[in-house]
Amino acid sequence: MKLPSLPTLLAVAMFANPLLAESVSDIVEKFDSQKIAALDAYLKANPEAGDKEAAITALIEASAAVEDSDKMLGYLRQKYDMMEKGANADLEMLIGGVVQPLLGSYLSSGDSASAKTFIETVKTDLAAHPMSAQINQFLEQLGAKLNQPMVGSTLEIAFTSTAGEEIDLSKMNDKVVLVDFWATWCGPCVAEMPTVIAAYEKFHAKGFEVIGISLDQDMEALDKFTKERGMPWPQYFDGKGWENAIAGKYGISGIPATFLIGKDGKIVATDLRGPALEAHLEKLLSDG
């Protein structure tokens, strides 16, 4: 019996039944869920399909859209296993397209053990590549993040702010708090700051706070920047740059580095960018 093609299966899954959704996001989520079911069925019935890699790529995208991190991890690992390694590996596709998001998923789920094991696997798989030394250096930089606090961890942060205010994260358990390691000289930090400011303005009244951990060495530059940009939240500053005491305590080797703390005092997300921060705050601070 001839199996239906991948496009046919997707079309059937997505349009077989009328949708009674309440919003655009409901429609998109339902389509993505149906897409995952159809693609899983397709691969189960046809495990050696010529378009298997295309199916897995689509599964990665759909599982990311519905925020099913467990499924996405599995699909990313399948894609990694299918791709060519060794001397002829396509580094852009392999590292940028699979290894980085896979490690990011491990970090987001707090599974540092699997992440460390996977890094060693990649090093071994790419040992014959002409750029193996650079690859290993890059992987070690990614691996440094494994020593940082993970989702589910707690942070112990207490200090006197640049404004003379006593700050103690342990006493803010009725708040949702973003701990932001940053610096005025950090381009990506500055680029992301409007997002943090907008989130603060929108959610502060609902219980959202921000704590800045500045890796600056110039107190005057820091004060000027925060005043000009409208950043009223407390800042930790010790003038030591990369030797910053709190950054060192938590293994911060790159900035911006952010940790979103829930009302239970535990990290619920790390390194949120753009709309992702607001989306998490909507869930954590909803009236319901």
Protein backbone atom coordinates (compact mmCIF):
# COMPACT_ATOMS: atom_id res chain seq x y z
CA MET A 1 0.00 0.00 0.00
CA LYS A 2 1.37 3.39 -0.96
CA LEU A 3 1.76 5.77 1.98
CA PRO A 4 0.38 9.29 1.65
CA SER A 5 2.99 11.98 1.15
CA LEU A 6 4.15 14.28 3.91
CA PRO A 7 2.34 17.35 2.47
CA THR A 8 -0.87 15.32 2.14
CA LEU A 9 -0.73 14.22 5.77
CA LEU A 10 -0.19 17.77 6.95
CA ALA A 11 -3.07 19.05 4.89
CA VAL A 12 -5.41 16.40 6.28
CA ALA A 13 -4.30 17.05 9.85
CA MET A 14 -4.71 20.79 9.62
CA PHE A 15 -7.96 21.09 7.74
CA ALA A 16 -9.94 17.90 8.37
CA ASN A 17 -12.06 19.43 11.12
CA PRO A 18 -13.49 22.93 11.52
CA LEU A 19 -11.80 24.87 14.30
CA LEU A 20 -13.73 26.54 17.06
CA ALA A 21 -10.91 28.54 18.57
CA GLU A 22 -11.16 31.61 20.75
CA SER A 23 -8.13 33.42 19.33
CA VAL A 24 -5.43 33.37 16.67
CA SER A 25 -3.01 31.79 19.17
CA ASP A 26 -5.53 28.99 19.79
CA ILE A 27 -5.73 28.30 16.07
CA VAL A 28 -1.95 28.29 15.66
CA GLU A 29 -1.44 26.02 18.66
CA LYS A 30 -4.09 23.59 17.45
CA PHE A 31 -2.55 23.44 13.99
CA ASP A 32 0.92 22.86 15.43
CA SER A 33 -0.36 20.09 17.71
CA GLN A 34 -2.07 18.41 14.78
CA LYS A 35 1.07 18.83 12.69
CA ILE A 36 3.13 17.06 15.37
CA ALA A 37 0.66 14.16 15.53
CA ALA A 38 0.59 13.81 11.72
CA LEU A 39 4.37 13.94 11.36
CA ASP A 40 4.92 11.45 14.18
CA ALA A 41 2.47 9.07 12.51
CA TYR A 42 4.17 9.56 9.15
CA LEU A 43 7.62 8.74 10.51
CA LYS A 44 6.34 5.77 12.47
CA ALA A 45 4.75 4.31 9.32
CA ASN A 46 7.68 5.25 7.09
CA PRO A 47 10.87 5.34 9.23
CA GLU A 48 13.19 5.42 6.21
CA ALA A 49 11.34 8.20 4.38
CA GLY A 50 13.47 10.24 2.02
CA ASP A 51 12.11 13.41 3.58
CA LYS A 52 12.67 12.28 7.16
CA GLU A 53 15.03 15.15 7.95
CA ALA A 54 12.50 17.67 6.63
CA ALA A 55 9.84 16.05 8.82
CA ILE A 56 12.04 16.27 11.93
CA THR A 57 12.88 19.90 11.17
CA ALA A 58 9.15 20.65 10.98
CA LEU A 59 8.62 18.76 14.25
CA ILE A 60 11.29 20.89 15.96
CA GLU A 61 9.57 24.08 14.81
CA ALA A 62 6.09 22.87 15.79
CA SER A 63 7.15 21.61 19.24
CA ALA A 64 8.88 24.94 19.88
CA ALA A 65 5.69 26.77 18.88
CA VAL A 66 3.60 24.80 21.40
CA GLU A 67 6.40 25.08 24.02
CA ASP A 68 6.78 21.32 24.39
CA SER A 69 10.43 21.29 25.44
CA ASP A 70 10.58 17.52 26.00
CA LYS A 71 9.47 16.76 22.45
CA MET A 72 11.74 19.42 21.02
CA LEU A 73 14.76 17.96 22.82
CA GLY A 74 14.03 14.55 21.35
CA TYR A 75 13.59 15.88 17.82
CA LEU A 76 16.76 17.99 18.04
CA ARG A 77 18.74 14.96 19.15
CA GLN A 78 17.29 12.90 16.29
CA LYS A 79 18.32 15.57 13.81
CA TYR A 80 21.81 15.74 15.31
CA ASP A 81 22.19 11.97 14.97
CA MET A 82 21.17 12.15 11.29
CA MET A 83 23.59 14.92 10.31
CA GLU A 84 27.10 14.39 8.99
CA LYS A 85 29.90 14.87 11.50
CA GLY A 86 33.66 14.57 11.16
CA ALA A 87 35.78 16.47 8.66
CA ASN A 88 32.92 17.25 6.27
CA ALA A 89 30.38 18.52 8.81
CA ASP A 90 28.40 21.64 7.88
CA LEU A 91 29.20 23.66 10.99
CA GLU A 92 26.62 26.36 10.36
CA MET A 93 23.80 23.81 10.16
CA LEU A 94 25.15 21.47 12.82
CA ILE A 95 26.33 23.93 15.48
CA GLY A 96 24.02 26.87 14.81
CA GLY A 97 20.97 24.88 13.77
CA VAL A 98 21.09 21.97 16.20
CA VAL A 99 23.83 22.02 18.85
CA GLN A 100 23.14 25.52 20.21
CA PRO A 101 19.34 25.15 20.47
CA LEU A 102 19.76 21.68 21.94
CA LEU A 103 22.10 22.94 24.63
CA GLY A 104 19.74 25.85 25.21
CA SER A 105 16.89 23.41 25.76
CA TYR A 106 18.97 21.43 28.24
CA LEU A 107 19.81 24.63 30.09
CA SER A 108 16.19 25.79 30.14
CA SER A 109 15.08 22.45 31.58
CA GLY A 110 17.85 22.48 34.18
CA ASP A 111 19.40 19.24 32.87
CA SER A 112 23.06 20.21 33.16
CA ALA A 113 24.23 16.58 33.31
CA SER A 114 22.81 15.79 29.86
CA ALA A 115 24.18 19.06 28.50
CA LYS A 116 27.70 18.26 29.70
CA THR A 117 27.49 14.76 28.24
CA PHE A 118 26.26 16.13 24.92
CA ILE A 119 29.11 18.67 24.74
CA GLU A 120 31.63 15.85 25.09
CA THR A 121 29.79 13.88 22.39
CA VAL A 122 30.01 16.81 19.98
CA LYS A 123 33.72 17.29 20.71
CA THR A 124 34.34 13.62 19.89
CA ASP A 125 32.16 13.66 16.77
CA LEU A 126 33.96 16.73 15.38
CA ALA A 127 37.50 15.80 16.44
CA ALA A 128 38.46 15.19 12.79
CA HIS A 129 37.16 18.54 11.58
CA PRO A 130 39.83 21.05 10.48
CA MET A 131 38.36 23.60 12.91
CA SER A 132 38.15 21.21 15.87
CA ALA A 133 40.24 23.50 18.11
CA GLN A 134 37.93 26.46 17.51
CA ILE A 135 34.88 24.20 17.92
CA ASN A 136 36.13 22.94 21.27
CA GLN A 137 36.80 26.49 22.45
CA PHE A 138 33.27 27.52 21.44
CA LEU A 139 31.75 24.48 23.15
CA GLU A 140 33.69 25.21 26.32
CA GLN A 141 32.27 28.73 26.32
CA LEU A 142 28.78 27.28 26.04
CA GLY A 143 29.66 24.76 28.73
CA ALA A 144 30.61 27.56 31.11
CA LYS A 145 26.92 28.41 31.31
CA LEU A 146 26.32 24.98 32.86
CA ASN A 147 27.91 26.27 36.08
CA GLN A 148 25.36 29.04 36.26
CA PRO A 149 22.11 28.73 38.22
CA MET A 150 19.45 26.72 36.39
CA VAL A 151 15.67 26.71 36.31
CA GLY A 152 14.58 25.55 39.75
CA SER A 153 17.67 26.95 41.49
CA THR A 154 17.60 29.74 44.05
CA LEU A 155 19.85 32.79 44.24
CA GLU A 156 21.25 34.37 47.38
CA ILE A 157 21.72 38.05 46.63
CA ALA A 158 21.92 40.83 49.21
CA PHE A 159 23.68 44.18 48.87
CA THR A 160 23.48 47.92 49.33
CA SER A 161 22.44 49.53 46.06
CA THR A 162 24.10 52.53 44.41
CA ALA A 163 21.24 54.59 45.85
CA GLY A 164 21.93 53.34 49.39
CA GLU A 165 18.96 50.96 49.51
CA GLU A 166 19.32 47.61 51.28
CA ILE A 167 18.37 44.83 48.87
CA ASP A 168 17.77 41.22 49.89
CA LEU A 169 16.30 38.85 47.31
CA SER A 170 15.21 36.41 50.02
CA LYS A 171 12.81 39.06 51.37
CA MET A 172 11.11 39.58 47.99
CA ASN A 173 9.20 36.29 47.89
CA ASP A 174 5.93 38.08 47.21
CA LYS A 175 7.40 39.47 43.97
CA VAL A 176 8.46 38.22 40.57
CA VAL A 177 12.04 39.44 40.15
CA LEU A 178 14.33 39.72 37.15
CA VAL A 179 18.01 39.59 38.12
CA ASP A 180 19.89 41.25 35.27
CA PHE A 181 23.69 40.96 34.91
CA TRP A 182 24.67 43.73 32.51
CA ALA A 183 26.90 46.76 31.83
CA THR A 184 26.58 50.10 30.07
CA TRP A 185 29.44 49.14 27.72
CA CYS A 186 27.71 45.90 26.66
CA GLY A 187 26.03 46.40 23.26
CA PRO A 188 23.56 43.47 23.54
CA CYS A 189 22.67 44.59 27.09
CA VAL A 190 21.87 48.11 25.91
CA ALA A 191 19.91 46.76 22.94
CA GLU A 192 17.76 44.60 25.24
CA MET A 193 17.22 47.31 27.88
CA PRO A 194 14.11 48.86 26.23
CA THR A 195 12.42 45.47 26.59
CA VAL A 196 13.24 45.34 30.31
CA ILE A 197 12.12 48.94 30.82
CA ALA A 198 8.83 48.32 29.01
CA ALA A 199 8.19 45.19 31.09
CA TYR A 200 8.96 47.06 34.30
CA GLU A 201 6.57 49.87 33.41
CA LYS A 202 3.82 47.44 32.48
CA PHE A 203 4.12 44.94 35.34
CA HIS A 204 5.72 46.77 38.27
CA ALA A 205 2.35 47.64 39.81
CA LYS A 206 1.41 43.95 39.64
CA GLY A 207 4.46 42.84 41.60
CA PHE A 208 7.37 42.79 39.15
CA GLU A 209 10.79 43.98 40.29
CA VAL A 210 14.20 44.19 38.62
CA ILE A 211 17.62 43.93 40.27
CA GLY A 212 20.57 45.09 38.20
CA ILE A 213 24.02 43.61 38.73
CA SER A 214 26.31 46.03 36.92
CA LEU A 215 29.72 44.94 35.66
CA ASP A 216 30.67 48.55 35.07
CA GLN A 217 33.83 50.10 36.47
CA ASP A 218 32.68 53.70 36.21
CA MET A 219 30.06 54.63 38.82
CA GLU A 220 29.35 58.00 37.21
CA ALA A 221 28.71 56.42 33.81
CA LEU A 222 26.36 53.90 35.40
CA ASP A 223 24.34 56.53 37.26
CA LYS A 224 24.10 58.72 34.17
CA PHE A 225 22.94 55.82 32.00
CA THR A 226 20.25 54.59 34.41
CA LYS A 227 18.85 58.08 34.93
CA GLU A 228 18.78 58.94 31.23
CA ARG A 229 17.13 55.63 30.29
CA GLY A 230 14.58 55.68 33.11
CA MET A 231 15.77 52.63 35.06
CA PRO A 232 14.52 53.15 38.64
CA TRP A 233 15.37 49.69 39.97
CA PRO A 234 18.32 49.02 42.31
CA GLN A 235 21.81 48.43 40.96
CA TYR A 236 24.68 46.48 42.50
CA PHE A 237 28.08 48.01 41.71
CA ASP A 238 31.52 47.17 43.06
CA GLY A 239 33.62 48.64 40.24
CA LYS A 240 35.41 45.35 39.51
CA GLY A 241 34.12 44.70 36.00
CA TRP A 242 34.39 41.00 35.18
CA GLU A 243 35.64 40.41 38.71
CA ASN A 244 32.24 41.55 40.05
CA ALA A 245 31.64 39.64 43.27
CA ILE A 246 28.06 38.51 42.58
CA ALA A 247 28.84 37.66 38.94
CA GLY A 248 31.79 35.58 40.10
CA LYS A 249 29.69 33.81 42.70
CA TYR A 250 27.31 32.57 40.02
CA GLY A 251 29.78 31.87 37.23
CA ILE A 252 28.62 34.64 34.92
CA SER A 253 31.00 34.62 31.95
CA GLY A 254 28.89 36.53 29.43
CA ILE A 255 26.33 39.31 29.52
CA PRO A 256 23.49 40.02 29.31
CA ALA A 257 22.59 37.17 31.63
CA THR A 258 19.16 37.26 33.22
CA PHE A 259 17.32 35.08 35.72
CA LEU A 260 13.57 35.39 36.27
CA ILE A 261 12.62 34.49 39.85
CA GLY A 262 9.10 33.37 40.74
CA LYS A 263 7.26 34.18 43.95
CA ASP A 264 8.54 30.91 45.45
CA GLY A 265 12.09 32.23 45.17
CA LYS A 266 13.11 29.78 42.42
CA ILE A 267 14.34 30.54 38.92
CA VAL A 268 11.56 29.97 36.39
CA ALA A 269 13.41 31.07 33.24
CA THR A 270 16.83 32.30 32.12
CA ASP A 271 18.06 34.68 29.42
CA LEU A 272 14.62 35.71 28.19
CA ARG A 273 14.78 38.02 25.19
CA GLY A 274 12.25 40.29 23.52
CA PRO A 275 8.59 39.22 23.80
CA ALA A 276 9.52 36.11 25.81
CA LEU A 277 9.98 38.19 28.99
CA GLU A 278 6.53 39.76 28.74
CA ALA A 279 4.94 36.40 27.92
CA HIS A 280 6.37 34.87 31.12
CA LEU A 281 5.32 37.83 33.21
CA GLU A 282 1.77 37.61 31.85
CA LYS A 283 1.58 34.03 33.14
CA LEU A 284 3.29 34.67 36.48
CA LEU A 285 1.37 37.86 37.32
CA SER A 286 -2.04 37.13 35.82
CA ASP A 287 -4.98 38.13 38.00
CA GLY A 288 -6.14 34.53 38.01
